[in-house]
C-alpha atoms as a PDB file:
ATOM      1  CA  MET A   1      37.437  32.248  29.304  1.00  0.00           C
ATOM      2  CA  ARG A   2      34.961  32.139  26.428  1.00  0.00           C
ATOM      3  CA  HIS A   3      32.181  30.949  28.725  1.00  0.00           C
ATOM      4  CA  ILE A   4      32.870  33.673  31.292  1.00  0.00           C
ATOM      5  CA  ALA A   5      32.517  36.253  28.528  1.00  0.00           C
ATOM      6  CA  GLY A   6      29.339  34.470  27.412  1.00  0.00           C
ATOM      7  CA  LEU A   7      27.946  34.682  30.942  1.00  0.00           C
ATOM      8  CA  LEU A   8      28.616  38.429  31.054  1.00  0.00           C
ATOM      9  CA  ILE A   9      27.083  38.914  27.611  1.00  0.00           C
ATOM     10  CA  GLY A  10      24.071  36.906  28.785  1.00  0.00           C
ATOM     11  CA  LEU A  11      23.588  39.256  31.720  1.00  0.00           C
ATOM     12  CA  VAL A  12      23.727  42.249  29.365  1.00  0.00           C
ATOM     13  CA  VAL A  13      21.203  40.641  27.007  1.00  0.00           C
ATOM     14  CA  THR A  14      18.912  39.883  29.951  1.00  0.00           C
ATOM     15  CA  ALA A  15      19.052  43.506  31.076  1.00  0.00           C
ATOM     16  CA  ALA A  16      18.464  44.704  27.503  1.00  0.00           C
ATOM     17  CA  VAL A  17      15.404  42.506  27.032  1.00  0.00           C
ATOM     18  CA  LEU A  18      13.862  43.183  30.431  1.00  0.00           C
ATOM     19  CA  GLY A  19      14.778  46.856  30.785  1.00  0.00           C
ATOM     20  CA  GLY A  20      15.086  48.143  27.244  1.00  0.00           C
ATOM     21  CA  GLY A  21      12.372  45.965  25.775  1.00  0.00           C
ATOM     22  CA  GLY A  22      10.015  46.712  28.645  1.00  0.00           C
ATOM     23  CA  TRP A  23      10.593  50.446  28.429  1.00  0.00           C
ATOM     24  CA  ALA A  24      10.198  50.443  24.639  1.00  0.00           C
ATOM     25  CA  ALA A  25       6.992  48.411  24.810  1.00  0.00           C
ATOM     26  CA  GLN A  26       5.524  50.775  27.379  1.00  0.00           C
ATOM     27  CA  GLN A  27       6.500  53.847  25.375  1.00  0.00           C
ATOM     28  CA  ALA A  28       5.189  52.411  22.099  1.00  0.00           C
ATOM     29  CA  VAL A  29       1.762  51.630  23.443  1.00  0.00           C
ATOM     30  CA  GLY A  30       1.815  54.924  25.355  1.00  0.00           C
ATOM     31  CA  GLY A  31      -1.634  55.703  26.569  1.00  0.00           C
ATOM     32  CA  ALA A  32      -3.396  52.847  24.792  1.00  0.00           C
ATOM     33  CA  ALA A  33      -5.221  52.027  28.012  1.00  0.00           C
ATOM     34  CA  THR A  34      -6.537  55.579  28.217  1.00  0.00           C
ATOM     35  CA  GLY A  35      -7.256  55.832  24.499  1.00  0.00           C
ATOM     36  CA  THR A  36      -4.578  58.402  23.619  1.00  0.00           C
ATOM     37  CA  ALA A  37      -1.967  57.698  20.989  1.00  0.00           C
ATOM     38  CA  PRO A  38       1.720  58.352  21.725  1.00  0.00           C
ATOM     39  CA  ASP A  39       3.266  61.369  20.053  1.00  0.00           C
ATOM     40  CA  SER A  40       5.377  60.826  16.964  1.00  0.00           C
ATOM     41  CA  GLN A  41       8.782  61.462  18.539  1.00  0.00           C
ATOM     42  CA  GLN A  42       8.062  59.174  21.499  1.00  0.00           C
ATOM     43  CA  LEU A  43       6.911  56.420  19.140  1.00  0.00           C
ATOM     44  CA  TRP A  44      10.036  56.669  16.970  1.00  0.00           C
ATOM     45  CA  ILE A  45      12.319  56.524  20.006  1.00  0.00           C
ATOM     46  CA  ALA A  46      10.462  53.475  21.298  1.00  0.00           C
ATOM     47  CA  LEU A  47      10.668  51.746  17.926  1.00  0.00           C
ATOM     48  CA  GLY A  48      14.393  52.523  17.756  1.00  0.00           C
ATOM     49  CA  ALA A  49      14.882  51.019  21.214  1.00  0.00           C
ATOM     50  CA  MET A  50      12.961  47.917  20.121  1.00  0.00           C
ATOM     51  CA  ALA A  51      15.153  47.634  17.044  1.00  0.00           C
ATOM     52  CA  ALA A  52      18.287  47.932  19.185  1.00  0.00           C
ATOM     53  CA  VAL A  53      17.083  45.206  21.561  1.00  0.00           C
ATOM     54  CA  GLY A  54      16.206  43.022  18.570  1.00  0.00           C
ATOM     55  CA  LEU A  55      19.644  43.608  17.087  1.00  0.00           C
ATOM     56  CA  VAL A  56      21.371  42.604  20.323  1.00  0.00           C
ATOM     57  CA  VAL A  57      19.250  39.456  20.624  1.00  0.00           C
ATOM     58  CA  GLY A  58      19.818  38.598  16.960  1.00  0.00           C
ATOM     59  CA  LEU A  59      23.578  39.018  17.219  1.00  0.00           C
ATOM     60  CA  VAL A  60      23.733  36.794  20.274  1.00  0.00           C
ATOM     61  CA  VAL A  61      21.544  34.100  18.716  1.00  0.00           C
ATOM     62  CA  ALA A  62      23.384  34.061  15.388  1.00  0.00           C
ATOM     63  CA  GLY A  63      26.907  34.798  16.613  1.00  0.00           C
ATOM     64  CA  ARG A  64      29.638  32.358  17.604  1.00  0.00           C
ATOM     65  CA  VAL A  65      29.817  33.314  21.238  1.00  0.00           C
ATOM     66  CA  SER A  66      29.433  30.984  24.169  1.00  0.00           C
ATOM     67  CA  PRO A  67      26.010  29.358  24.455  1.00  0.00           C
ATOM     68  CA  LEU A  68      25.799  30.846  27.943  1.00  0.00           C
ATOM     69  CA  ALA A  69      25.107  34.173  26.245  1.00  0.00           C
ATOM     70  CA  THR A  70      21.716  32.834  25.190  1.00  0.00           C
ATOM     71  CA  PHE A  71      21.203  30.376  28.048  1.00  0.00           C
ATOM     72  CA  VAL A  72      21.159  33.001  30.821  1.00  0.00           C
ATOM     73  CA  PRO A  73      18.430  35.231  29.335  1.00  0.00           C
ATOM     74  CA  SER A  74      16.403  32.240  28.146  1.00  0.00           C
ATOM     75  CA  MET A  75      16.335  30.731  31.624  1.00  0.00           C
ATOM     76  CA  VAL A  76      15.378  34.046  33.212  1.00  0.00           C
ATOM     77  CA  LEU A  77      12.531  34.598  30.750  1.00  0.00           C
ATOM     78  CA  LEU A  78      11.277  31.012  30.858  1.00  0.00           C
ATOM     79  CA  ALA A  79      11.521  30.797  34.650  1.00  0.00           C
ATOM     80  CA  TRP A  80       9.574  34.031  35.038  1.00  0.00           C
ATOM     81  CA  THR A  81       6.945  32.699  32.626  1.00  0.00           C
ATOM     82  CA  VAL A  82       6.645  29.451  34.603  1.00  0.00           C
ATOM     83  CA  VAL A  83       6.270  31.409  37.843  1.00  0.00           C
ATOM     84  CA  TYR A  84       3.578  33.501  36.135  1.00  0.00           C
ATOM     85  CA  ALA A  85       1.744  30.347  35.036  1.00  0.00           C
ATOM     86  CA  LEU A  86       1.915  28.807  38.519  1.00  0.00           C
ATOM     87  CA  ASP A  87       1.408  31.874  40.714  1.00  0.00           C
ATOM     88  CA  THR A  88       0.354  35.019  38.888  1.00  0.00           C
ATOM     89  CA  ASN A  89       0.463  37.319  41.899  1.00  0.00           C
ATOM     90  CA  ARG A  90       3.998  36.300  42.846  1.00  0.00           C
ATOM     91  CA  ALA A  91       5.291  36.786  39.304  1.00  0.00           C
ATOM     92  CA  LEU A  92       3.684  40.213  39.014  1.00  0.00           C
ATOM     93  CA  SER A  93       5.004  41.232  42.448  1.00  0.00           C
ATOM     94  CA  LEU A  94       8.564  40.947  41.069  1.00  0.00           C
ATOM     95  CA  ILE A  95       7.904  43.912  38.779  1.00  0.00           C
ATOM     96  CA  PRO A  96       8.944  47.265  40.287  1.00  0.00           C
ATOM     97  CA  ALA A  97       5.908  49.507  40.613  1.00  0.00           C
ATOM     98  CA  ASP A  98       6.471  51.509  43.820  1.00  0.00           C
ATOM     99  CA  GLN A  99       6.551  55.297  43.773  1.00  0.00           C
ATOM    100  CA  SER A 100      10.030  55.166  45.334  1.00  0.00           C
ATOM    101  CA  VAL A 101      11.420  53.642  42.131  1.00  0.00           C
ATOM    102  CA  ASN A 102      12.672  55.845  39.308  1.00  0.00           C
ATOM    103  CA  GLN A 103      10.098  56.747  36.634  1.00  0.00           C
ATOM    104  CA  ILE A 104      12.041  54.991  33.855  1.00  0.00           C
ATOM    105  CA  VAL A 105      12.271  51.777  35.891  1.00  0.00           C
ATOM    106  CA  ARG A 106       8.517  51.926  36.555  1.00  0.00           C
ATOM    107  CA  GLU A 107       7.840  52.353  32.835  1.00  0.00           C
ATOM    108  CA  ALA A 108      10.152  49.433  32.034  1.00  0.00           C
ATOM    109  CA  GLY A 109       8.305  47.393  34.641  1.00  0.00           C
ATOM    110  CA  ALA A 110       4.937  48.224  33.115  1.00  0.00           C
ATOM    111  CA  GLY A 111       6.202  47.148  29.696  1.00  0.00           C
ATOM    112  CA  ALA A 112       7.680  43.972  31.185  1.00  0.00           C
ATOM    113  CA  ARG A 113       4.296  43.254  32.757  1.00  0.00           C
ATOM    114  CA  ALA A 114       2.647  43.574  29.346  1.00  0.00           C
ATOM    115  CA  MET A 115       5.221  41.310  27.700  1.00  0.00           C
ATOM    116  CA  LEU A 116       4.967  38.738  30.505  1.00  0.00           C
ATOM    117  CA  THR A 117       1.192  38.574  30.499  1.00  0.00           C
ATOM    118  CA  THR A 118       0.941  38.339  26.706  1.00  0.00           C
ATOM    119  CA  GLY A 119       3.515  35.551  26.378  1.00  0.00           C
ATOM    120  CA  VAL A 120       6.262  37.515  24.651  1.00  0.00           C
ATOM    121  CA  PHE A 121       8.763  36.462  27.329  1.00  0.00           C
ATOM    122  CA  ALA A 122       7.907  32.793  26.739  1.00  0.00           C
ATOM    123  CA  LEU A 123       8.417  33.242  23.002  1.00  0.00           C
ATOM    124  CA  LEU A 124      11.759  35.002  23.460  1.00  0.00           C
ATOM    125  CA  GLY A 125      12.859  32.456  26.060  1.00  0.00           C
ATOM    126  CA  VAL A 126      12.304  29.550  23.696  1.00  0.00           C
ATOM    127  CA  ALA A 127      13.970  31.403  20.806  1.00  0.00           C
ATOM    128  CA  LEU A 128      17.011  32.119  22.975  1.00  0.00           C
ATOM    129  CA  PHE A 129      17.169  28.530  24.236  1.00  0.00           C
ATOM    130  CA  ILE A 130      17.387  26.898  20.778  1.00  0.00           C
ATOM    131  CA  PRO A 131      21.087  27.847  20.191  1.00  0.00           C
ATOM    132  CA  VAL A 132      21.998  26.165  23.499  1.00  0.00           C
ATOM    133  CA  LEU A 133      20.962  22.831  21.984  1.00  0.00           C
ATOM    134  CA  MET A 134      23.487  23.107  19.134  1.00  0.00           C
ATOM    135  CA  PRO A 135      26.563  21.001  20.001  1.00  0.00           C
ATOM    136  CA  SER A 136      28.804  23.057  17.716  1.00  0.00           C
ATOM    137  CA  ARG A 137      28.321  26.120  19.927  1.00  0.00           C
ATOM    138  CA  TRP A 138      29.820  24.363  22.953  1.00  0.00           C
ATOM    139  CA  SER A 139      33.055  23.391  21.214  1.00  0.00           C
ATOM    140  CA  ARG A 140      35.838  25.794  20.416  1.00  0.00           C
ATOM    141  CA  GLN A 141      36.121  27.123  16.921  1.00  0.00           C
ATOM    142  CA  ARG A 142      38.972  25.480  15.005  1.00  0.00           C
ATOM    143  CA  ASP A 143      41.540  27.780  13.547  1.00  0.00           C
ATOM    144  CA  ASP A 144      43.345  26.779  10.359  1.00  0.00           C
ATOM    145  CA  MET A 145      46.529  28.226  11.784  1.00  0.00           C
ATOM    146  CA  ASP A 146      46.464  25.671  14.635  1.00  0.00           C
ATOM    147  CA  GLU A 147      47.721  22.919  12.348  1.00  0.00           C
ATOM    148  CA  ASP A 148      51.343  23.901  11.982  1.00  0.00           C
ATOM    149  CA  TYR A 149      53.385  21.186  10.395  1.00  0.00           C
ATOM    150  CA  GLU A 150      56.732  21.085   8.813  1.00  0.00           C
ATOM    151  CA  ALA A 151      57.054  19.926   5.293  1.00  0.00           C
ATOM    152  CA  ALA A 152      59.176  16.794   5.173  1.00  0.00           C
ATOM    153  CA  PRO A 153      62.034  16.768   2.705  1.00  0.00           C
ATOM    154  CA  GLU A 154      61.636  14.423  -0.231  1.00  0.00           C
ATOM    155  CA  GLY A 155      62.749  10.927   0.440  1.00  0.00           C
ATOM    156  CA  SER A 156      62.048  10.953   4.164  1.00  0.00           C
ATOM    157  CA  TYR A 157      59.658   8.579   5.850  1.00  0.00           C
ATOM    158  CA  TYR A 158      57.722  11.195   7.777  1.00  0.00           C
END
């Protein structure tokens, strides 16, 4: 049951990194390509979204949840980075950029493109994969209450 919950948490973390991180990155850089700086309120919202995504990733990496919670997003990010290294056009075609897509999804896609092309996804993928290698995360946490024993009366053999 713990690993099923870890799988679901991993899907949420993947969506947070790709969607929330992409949107926040796009909003923070704003019109950097055109030479205009983002307004103050937009920048603070983007930085808050980045902090929230960082908090979620940090809690999953440091917490005692199933290692699947970090394995799922790490494999998605690393696989996308490998596809980008092997076939750039195919990797970039996975990013939603059509006019039929919602504006927020397009902005998240533009931020994801920036993070993919600059190597941020590779960095996050490796950082999320490290907890998977810890054997203690795969075993169940021992509870001190599990060891119920009865005190033997004095003079008994057991």
